Amino acid sequence: MGELLGDVLMSARVLAGRKGQTVVCAPPEQPCPVTGDYDRLRQLLMILIDNAVRYAPEGSTITLTLDVHACTLSVADEGPGIAPELQQSLFVPYARGKAFESTGLELAIAHEIAVRHGYELTVTSAPGQGSVFALRFVSAQSPEA
């Protein structure tokens, strides 16, 4: 996961730089091997980062956090947040409607990639408080593997 994260960070910083945003990520404390399709997992993470860049204001910070012990990678933004009633439809294709700037197909694709890997993709958000998208995976070193 550390190698994938390093790869994604290079692209994320270029994407965020266009809006004067900063992408921060602490290096993993220890290796975190996971199983999966590298290209699809990269696609999933880039969708989450693109979403954060799109909705967060110029000059804000996007934070990537890899918690090896919890087997979770999160993408947090300082955007407008998402009302609870809208969160249920975030991962449903074309269900986002006029409340968002896009069809929502991207997050539906990210969710499908997570599901096909046996991972869980969730969102925690509230209006005015930004959003955190968390990918819970099973590490090859964890007891769940």
N, C-alpha and C. Protein backbone atom coordinates (compact mmCIF):
# COMPACT_ATOMS: atom_id res chain seq x y z
N MET A 1 0.83 -1.19 0.00
CA MET A 1 0.00 0.00 0.00
C MET A 1 0.87 1.26 0.00
N GLY A 2 2.03 1.20 0.64
CA GLY A 2 2.92 2.36 0.66
C GLY A 2 3.39 2.75 -0.72
N GLU A 3 3.75 1.76 -1.54
CA GLU A 3 4.18 2.03 -2.91
C GLU A 3 3.06 2.67 -3.72
N LEU A 4 1.86 2.12 -3.60
CA LEU A 4 0.70 2.68 -4.30
C LEU A 4 0.44 4.11 -3.86
N LEU A 5 0.52 4.34 -2.58
CA LEU A 5 0.28 5.67 -2.03
C LEU A 5 1.31 6.67 -2.55
N GLY A 6 2.56 6.27 -2.62
CA GLY A 6 3.60 7.15 -3.16
C GLY A 6 3.33 7.51 -4.61
N ASP A 7 2.91 6.53 -5.39
CA ASP A 7 2.58 6.75 -6.80
C ASP A 7 1.41 7.73 -6.92
N VAL A 8 0.37 7.52 -6.15
CA VAL A 8 -0.82 8.35 -6.20
C VAL A 8 -0.51 9.78 -5.74
N LEU A 9 0.36 9.91 -4.76
CA LEU A 9 0.69 11.24 -4.23
C LEU A 9 1.28 12.15 -5.30
N MET A 10 2.12 11.61 -6.15
CA MET A 10 2.71 12.44 -7.21
C MET A 10 1.62 13.03 -8.10
N SER A 11 0.69 12.19 -8.53
CA SER A 11 -0.40 12.66 -9.38
C SER A 11 -1.34 13.59 -8.62
N ALA A 12 -1.61 13.27 -7.36
CA ALA A 12 -2.53 14.06 -6.54
C ALA A 12 -2.01 15.47 -6.34
N ARG A 13 -0.72 15.61 -6.13
CA ARG A 13 -0.15 16.93 -5.89
C ARG A 13 -0.23 17.80 -7.12
N VAL A 14 -0.07 17.20 -8.29
CA VAL A 14 -0.21 17.96 -9.54
C VAL A 14 -1.66 18.41 -9.69
N LEU A 15 -2.60 17.50 -9.48
CA LEU A 15 -4.02 17.80 -9.61
C LEU A 15 -4.43 18.90 -8.63
N ALA A 16 -4.03 18.77 -7.38
CA ALA A 16 -4.41 19.73 -6.35
C ALA A 16 -3.71 21.08 -6.56
N GLY A 17 -2.52 21.04 -7.10
CA GLY A 17 -1.76 22.26 -7.32
C GLY A 17 -2.46 23.23 -8.25
N ARG A 18 -3.30 22.70 -9.14
CA ARG A 18 -4.03 23.56 -10.07
C ARG A 18 -5.02 24.47 -9.36
N LYS A 19 -5.43 24.09 -8.15
CA LYS A 19 -6.34 24.93 -7.36
C LYS A 19 -5.63 25.51 -6.14
N GLY A 20 -4.31 25.43 -6.13
CA GLY A 20 -3.56 25.96 -5.00
C GLY A 20 -3.77 25.16 -3.73
N GLN A 21 -4.21 23.92 -3.88
CA GLN A 21 -4.44 23.06 -2.72
C GLN A 21 -3.16 22.29 -2.39
N THR A 22 -3.09 21.82 -1.16
CA THR A 22 -1.95 21.05 -0.71
C THR A 22 -2.42 19.64 -0.37
N VAL A 23 -1.65 18.65 -0.77
CA VAL A 23 -1.94 17.27 -0.41
C VAL A 23 -0.86 16.83 0.57
N VAL A 24 -1.28 16.39 1.75
CA VAL A 24 -0.33 15.93 2.76
C VAL A 24 -0.58 14.47 3.08
N CYS A 25 0.52 13.80 3.38
CA CYS A 25 0.43 12.38 3.74
C CYS A 25 1.68 12.01 4.52
N ALA A 26 1.48 11.47 5.70
CA ALA A 26 2.61 10.99 6.48
C ALA A 26 3.03 9.63 5.93
N PRO A 27 4.32 9.38 5.82
CA PRO A 27 4.73 8.06 5.33
C PRO A 27 4.28 6.96 6.30
N PRO A 28 3.95 5.79 5.75
CA PRO A 28 3.51 4.69 6.62
C PRO A 28 4.59 4.33 7.65
N GLU A 29 4.14 3.98 8.83
CA GLU A 29 5.06 3.62 9.92
C GLU A 29 5.76 2.30 9.63
N GLN A 30 5.10 1.44 8.87
CA GLN A 30 5.65 0.13 8.54
C GLN A 30 5.04 -0.32 7.22
N PRO A 31 5.63 -1.32 6.58
CA PRO A 31 5.05 -1.81 5.32
C PRO A 31 3.62 -2.30 5.53
N CYS A 32 2.83 -2.15 4.49
CA CYS A 32 1.43 -2.56 4.55
C CYS A 32 1.06 -3.28 3.25
N PRO A 33 1.47 -4.54 3.13
CA PRO A 33 1.16 -5.27 1.90
C PRO A 33 -0.32 -5.62 1.82
N VAL A 34 -0.89 -5.39 0.65
CA VAL A 34 -2.28 -5.75 0.39
C VAL A 34 -2.33 -6.51 -0.93
N THR A 35 -3.42 -7.21 -1.12
CA THR A 35 -3.60 -7.91 -2.39
C THR A 35 -4.63 -7.14 -3.22
N GLY A 36 -4.43 -7.19 -4.52
CA GLY A 36 -5.38 -6.52 -5.40
C GLY A 36 -4.73 -6.09 -6.69
N ASP A 37 -5.54 -5.57 -7.55
CA ASP A 37 -5.10 -5.07 -8.85
C ASP A 37 -4.57 -3.66 -8.66
N TYR A 38 -3.28 -3.48 -8.84
CA TYR A 38 -2.61 -2.20 -8.61
C TYR A 38 -3.28 -1.07 -9.39
N ASP A 39 -3.54 -1.29 -10.67
CA ASP A 39 -4.13 -0.25 -11.51
C ASP A 39 -5.53 0.14 -11.05
N ARG A 40 -6.34 -0.84 -10.67
CA ARG A 40 -7.70 -0.53 -10.22
C ARG A 40 -7.67 0.18 -8.87
N LEU A 41 -6.78 -0.24 -7.97
CA LEU A 41 -6.69 0.43 -6.67
C LEU A 41 -6.17 1.87 -6.84
N ARG A 42 -5.26 2.06 -7.78
CA ARG A 42 -4.79 3.41 -8.08
C ARG A 42 -5.95 4.25 -8.62
N GLN A 43 -6.73 3.66 -9.50
CA GLN A 43 -7.90 4.35 -10.05
C GLN A 43 -8.85 4.76 -8.93
N LEU A 44 -9.11 3.87 -8.01
CA LEU A 44 -10.00 4.14 -6.88
C LEU A 44 -9.48 5.34 -6.08
N LEU A 45 -8.20 5.32 -5.74
CA LEU A 45 -7.64 6.41 -4.94
C LEU A 45 -7.64 7.73 -5.70
N MET A 46 -7.37 7.69 -6.99
CA MET A 46 -7.39 8.92 -7.78
C MET A 46 -8.80 9.48 -7.89
N ILE A 47 -9.80 8.62 -7.93
CA ILE A 47 -11.19 9.10 -7.93
C ILE A 47 -11.49 9.83 -6.62
N LEU A 48 -11.06 9.26 -5.51
CA LEU A 48 -11.30 9.90 -4.21
C LEU A 48 -10.57 11.24 -4.11
N ILE A 49 -9.34 11.28 -4.61
CA ILE A 49 -8.58 12.53 -4.57
C ILE A 49 -9.18 13.56 -5.52
N ASP A 50 -9.54 13.14 -6.70
CA ASP A 50 -10.18 14.05 -7.66
C ASP A 50 -11.45 14.64 -7.07
N ASN A 51 -12.22 13.81 -6.39
CA ASN A 51 -13.45 14.27 -5.75
C ASN A 51 -13.13 15.32 -4.67
N ALA A 52 -12.10 15.06 -3.88
CA ALA A 52 -11.70 16.00 -2.83
C ALA A 52 -11.26 17.32 -3.44
N VAL A 53 -10.45 17.27 -4.50
CA VAL A 53 -9.97 18.47 -5.17
C VAL A 53 -11.15 19.26 -5.74
N ARG A 54 -12.10 18.56 -6.34
CA ARG A 54 -13.24 19.21 -6.98
C ARG A 54 -14.08 20.00 -5.97
N TYR A 55 -14.32 19.44 -4.81
CA TYR A 55 -15.25 20.06 -3.87
C TYR A 55 -14.59 20.92 -2.80
N ALA A 56 -13.31 20.74 -2.55
CA ALA A 56 -12.63 21.55 -1.54
C ALA A 56 -12.27 22.92 -2.13
N PRO A 57 -12.26 23.94 -1.31
CA PRO A 57 -11.96 25.28 -1.82
C PRO A 57 -10.49 25.45 -2.19
N GLU A 58 -10.23 26.45 -3.00
CA GLU A 58 -8.86 26.77 -3.38
C GLU A 58 -8.05 27.05 -2.12
N GLY A 59 -6.81 26.60 -2.15
CA GLY A 59 -5.91 26.84 -1.03
C GLY A 59 -6.10 25.92 0.16
N SER A 60 -7.02 24.99 0.09
CA SER A 60 -7.28 24.10 1.22
C SER A 60 -6.31 22.91 1.21
N THR A 61 -6.42 22.07 2.21
CA THR A 61 -5.55 20.91 2.36
C THR A 61 -6.36 19.63 2.22
N ILE A 62 -5.79 18.69 1.51
CA ILE A 62 -6.36 17.34 1.38
C ILE A 62 -5.38 16.42 2.09
N THR A 63 -5.90 15.62 3.00
CA THR A 63 -5.03 14.79 3.83
C THR A 63 -5.28 13.32 3.55
N LEU A 64 -4.20 12.61 3.23
CA LEU A 64 -4.26 11.16 3.05
C LEU A 64 -3.63 10.53 4.28
N THR A 65 -4.33 9.56 4.86
CA THR A 65 -3.84 8.91 6.07
C THR A 65 -3.92 7.41 5.89
N LEU A 66 -2.78 6.75 6.05
CA LEU A 66 -2.74 5.29 6.00
C LEU A 66 -2.55 4.80 7.43
N ASP A 67 -3.57 4.15 7.96
CA ASP A 67 -3.52 3.57 9.29
C ASP A 67 -3.30 2.08 9.13
N VAL A 68 -2.05 1.66 9.27
CA VAL A 68 -1.68 0.27 9.04
C VAL A 68 -2.38 -0.65 10.03
N HIS A 69 -2.52 -0.22 11.26
CA HIS A 69 -3.12 -1.06 12.30
C HIS A 69 -4.62 -1.27 12.07
N ALA A 70 -5.30 -0.24 11.58
CA ALA A 70 -6.74 -0.35 11.31
C ALA A 70 -7.01 -0.80 9.87
N CYS A 71 -5.93 -0.99 9.09
CA CYS A 71 -6.06 -1.38 7.68
C CYS A 71 -7.01 -0.43 6.94
N THR A 72 -6.73 0.88 7.10
CA THR A 72 -7.59 1.89 6.50
C THR A 72 -6.75 2.98 5.85
N LEU A 73 -7.18 3.39 4.67
CA LEU A 73 -6.58 4.54 3.99
C LEU A 73 -7.71 5.55 3.82
N SER A 74 -7.50 6.77 4.30
CA SER A 74 -8.56 7.77 4.20
C SER A 74 -8.09 8.99 3.42
N VAL A 75 -9.05 9.63 2.78
CA VAL A 75 -8.85 10.88 2.04
C VAL A 75 -9.80 11.89 2.66
N ALA A 76 -9.24 12.91 3.30
CA ALA A 76 -10.05 13.92 3.98
C ALA A 76 -9.89 15.26 3.27
N ASP A 77 -10.99 15.99 3.14
CA ASP A 77 -10.94 17.31 2.52
C ASP A 77 -11.60 18.35 3.42
N GLU A 78 -11.43 19.60 3.05
CA GLU A 78 -12.00 20.72 3.79
C GLU A 78 -13.14 21.35 3.01
N GLY A 79 -13.84 20.52 2.24
CA GLY A 79 -14.94 20.99 1.40
C GLY A 79 -16.19 21.31 2.19
N PRO A 80 -17.28 21.53 1.47
CA PRO A 80 -18.53 21.95 2.10
C PRO A 80 -19.23 20.85 2.90
N GLY A 81 -18.77 19.63 2.77
CA GLY A 81 -19.43 18.52 3.46
C GLY A 81 -20.65 18.05 2.70
N ILE A 82 -21.21 16.95 3.16
CA ILE A 82 -22.34 16.31 2.48
C ILE A 82 -23.44 16.05 3.50
N ALA A 83 -24.64 16.48 3.18
CA ALA A 83 -25.78 16.25 4.08
C ALA A 83 -26.03 14.75 4.23
N PRO A 84 -26.44 14.31 5.41
CA PRO A 84 -26.66 12.88 5.66
C PRO A 84 -27.60 12.22 4.65
N GLU A 85 -28.65 12.94 4.25
CA GLU A 85 -29.62 12.34 3.32
C GLU A 85 -29.04 12.14 1.92
N LEU A 86 -27.97 12.85 1.60
CA LEU A 86 -27.33 12.69 0.29
C LEU A 86 -26.24 11.62 0.30
N GLN A 87 -25.72 11.30 1.47
CA GLN A 87 -24.62 10.34 1.57
C GLN A 87 -25.02 8.95 1.10
N GLN A 88 -26.27 8.59 1.28
CA GLN A 88 -26.73 7.25 0.90
C GLN A 88 -26.62 6.99 -0.59
N SER A 89 -26.72 8.05 -1.39
CA SER A 89 -26.72 7.87 -2.83
C SER A 89 -25.36 8.14 -3.48
N LEU A 90 -24.35 8.44 -2.69
CA LEU A 90 -23.04 8.78 -3.25
C LEU A 90 -22.45 7.69 -4.13
N PHE A 91 -22.67 6.44 -3.76
CA PHE A 91 -22.04 5.33 -4.47
C PHE A 91 -22.98 4.66 -5.47
N VAL A 92 -24.13 5.29 -5.72
CA VAL A 92 -25.10 4.77 -6.68
C VAL A 92 -24.93 5.53 -7.99
N PRO A 93 -24.69 4.82 -9.11
CA PRO A 93 -24.47 5.52 -10.38
C PRO A 93 -25.63 6.45 -10.74
N TYR A 94 -25.30 7.65 -11.14
CA TYR A 94 -26.24 8.65 -11.65
C TYR A 94 -27.29 9.11 -10.65
N ALA A 95 -27.11 8.80 -9.37
CA ALA A 95 -28.14 9.15 -8.39
C ALA A 95 -27.86 10.47 -7.66
N ARG A 96 -26.77 11.11 -7.97
CA ARG A 96 -26.39 12.30 -7.21
C ARG A 96 -27.24 13.51 -7.55
N GLY A 97 -27.71 13.60 -8.75
CA GLY A 97 -28.63 14.69 -9.11
C GLY A 97 -28.00 16.06 -9.09
N LYS A 98 -28.84 17.06 -8.94
CA LYS A 98 -28.43 18.46 -9.06
C LYS A 98 -27.72 18.98 -7.82
N ALA A 99 -27.68 18.22 -6.75
CA ALA A 99 -27.02 18.67 -5.53
C ALA A 99 -25.50 18.67 -5.70
N PHE A 100 -25.00 18.00 -6.75
CA PHE A 100 -23.56 17.90 -6.98
C PHE A 100 -23.24 18.33 -8.40
N GLU A 101 -21.97 18.59 -8.64
CA GLU A 101 -21.50 19.06 -9.95
C GLU A 101 -21.30 17.93 -10.95
N SER A 102 -21.46 16.69 -10.55
CA SER A 102 -21.23 15.57 -11.47
C SER A 102 -22.32 14.53 -11.31
N THR A 103 -22.26 13.54 -12.17
CA THR A 103 -23.27 12.48 -12.15
C THR A 103 -23.08 11.53 -10.97
N GLY A 104 -21.88 11.47 -10.44
CA GLY A 104 -21.62 10.54 -9.35
C GLY A 104 -21.11 9.21 -9.84
N LEU A 105 -20.90 9.09 -11.12
CA LEU A 105 -20.42 7.83 -11.67
C LEU A 105 -19.03 7.49 -11.12
N GLU A 106 -18.21 8.50 -10.90
CA GLU A 106 -16.86 8.26 -10.41
C GLU A 106 -16.87 7.53 -9.07
N LEU A 107 -17.65 8.02 -8.12
CA LEU A 107 -17.69 7.38 -6.80
C LEU A 107 -18.33 6.00 -6.87
N ALA A 108 -19.27 5.82 -7.78
CA ALA A 108 -19.87 4.49 -7.97
C ALA A 108 -18.80 3.51 -8.48
N ILE A 109 -17.94 3.99 -9.38
CA ILE A 109 -16.85 3.15 -9.88
C ILE A 109 -15.88 2.82 -8.75
N ALA A 110 -15.52 3.83 -7.96
CA ALA A 110 -14.61 3.60 -6.83
C ALA A 110 -15.20 2.57 -5.87
N HIS A 111 -16.48 2.70 -5.59
CA HIS A 111 -17.14 1.75 -4.68
C HIS A 111 -17.11 0.34 -5.26
N GLU A 112 -17.37 0.22 -6.55
CA GLU A 112 -17.37 -1.10 -7.19
C GLU A 112 -15.97 -1.73 -7.16
N ILE A 113 -14.95 -0.93 -7.38
CA ILE A 113 -13.57 -1.44 -7.29
C ILE A 113 -13.31 -1.96 -5.88
N ALA A 114 -13.72 -1.20 -4.87
CA ALA A 114 -13.54 -1.63 -3.49
C ALA A 114 -14.27 -2.94 -3.22
N VAL A 115 -15.52 -3.02 -3.63
CA VAL A 115 -16.32 -4.23 -3.40
C VAL A 115 -15.68 -5.44 -4.07
N ARG A 116 -15.22 -5.27 -5.30
CA ARG A 116 -14.62 -6.39 -6.03
C ARG A 116 -13.31 -6.86 -5.40
N HIS A 117 -12.68 -6.01 -4.62
CA HIS A 117 -11.47 -6.40 -3.90
C HIS A 117 -11.78 -6.92 -2.50
N GLY A 118 -13.04 -6.89 -2.12
CA GLY A 118 -13.41 -7.32 -0.78
C GLY A 118 -13.13 -6.25 0.26
N TYR A 119 -13.00 -5.00 -0.20
CA TYR A 119 -12.73 -3.88 0.69
C TYR A 119 -14.02 -3.10 0.92
N GLU A 120 -13.98 -2.20 1.88
CA GLU A 120 -15.16 -1.39 2.20
C GLU A 120 -14.81 0.09 2.01
N LEU A 121 -15.67 0.80 1.29
CA LEU A 121 -15.49 2.24 1.08
C LEU A 121 -16.63 2.96 1.76
N THR A 122 -16.30 3.87 2.67
CA THR A 122 -17.31 4.61 3.42
C THR A 122 -17.03 6.10 3.36
N VAL A 123 -18.04 6.87 3.74
CA VAL A 123 -17.89 8.32 3.83
C VAL A 123 -18.40 8.79 5.19
N THR A 124 -17.68 9.74 5.75
CA THR A 124 -18.10 10.42 6.96
C THR A 124 -18.07 11.91 6.63
N SER A 125 -19.20 12.57 6.81
CA SER A 125 -19.28 13.97 6.42
C SER A 125 -20.44 14.65 7.12
N ALA A 126 -20.33 15.95 7.19
CA ALA A 126 -21.41 16.78 7.70
C ALA A 126 -21.30 18.14 7.01
N PRO A 127 -22.41 18.79 6.75
CA PRO A 127 -22.36 20.10 6.10
C PRO A 127 -21.44 21.06 6.86
N GLY A 128 -20.56 21.71 6.11
CA GLY A 128 -19.64 22.68 6.68
C GLY A 128 -18.41 22.09 7.35
N GLN A 129 -18.28 20.76 7.32
CA GLN A 129 -17.17 20.13 8.03
C GLN A 129 -16.29 19.25 7.15
N GLY A 130 -16.41 19.34 5.85
CA GLY A 130 -15.58 18.52 4.97
C GLY A 130 -16.06 17.08 4.94
N SER A 131 -15.29 16.26 4.25
CA SER A 131 -15.64 14.84 4.09
C SER A 131 -14.41 13.97 4.26
N VAL A 132 -14.63 12.76 4.73
CA VAL A 132 -13.57 11.76 4.82
C VAL A 132 -14.07 10.49 4.16
N PHE A 133 -13.39 10.10 3.10
CA PHE A 133 -13.68 8.83 2.45
C PHE A 133 -12.64 7.85 2.94
N ALA A 134 -13.09 6.72 3.46
CA ALA A 134 -12.18 5.74 4.04
C ALA A 134 -12.29 4.40 3.32
N LEU A 135 -11.14 3.86 2.95
CA LEU A 135 -11.06 2.55 2.31
C LEU A 135 -10.50 1.59 3.34
N ARG A 136 -11.33 0.65 3.76
CA ARG A 136 -10.88 -0.37 4.72
C ARG A 136 -10.53 -1.61 3.93
N PHE A 137 -9.29 -2.03 4.05
CA PHE A 137 -8.79 -3.18 3.31
C PHE A 137 -8.25 -4.22 4.28
N VAL A 138 -7.92 -5.35 3.75
CA VAL A 138 -7.31 -6.41 4.56
C VAL A 138 -5.84 -6.49 4.17
N SER A 139 -4.97 -6.23 5.12
CA SER A 139 -3.54 -6.31 4.87
C SER A 139 -3.13 -7.78 4.81
N ALA A 140 -2.14 -8.07 3.99
CA ALA A 140 -1.62 -9.44 3.91
C ALA A 140 -0.99 -9.87 5.23
N GLN A 141 -0.69 -8.90 6.12
CA GLN A 141 -0.10 -9.21 7.42
C GLN A 141 -1.13 -9.26 8.54
N SER A 142 -2.36 -8.82 8.27
CA SER A 142 -3.37 -8.77 9.32
C SER A 142 -3.94 -10.16 9.58
N PRO A 143 -4.51 -10.39 10.76
CA PRO A 143 -5.11 -11.68 11.07
C PRO A 143 -6.30 -12.02 10.19
N GLU A 144 -6.91 -10.99 9.55
CA GLU A 144 -8.07 -11.23 8.70
C GLU A 144 -7.68 -11.80 7.35
N ALA A 145 -6.42 -11.67 6.98
CA ALA A 145 -5.99 -12.10 5.63
C ALA A 145 -6.03 -13.60 5.48
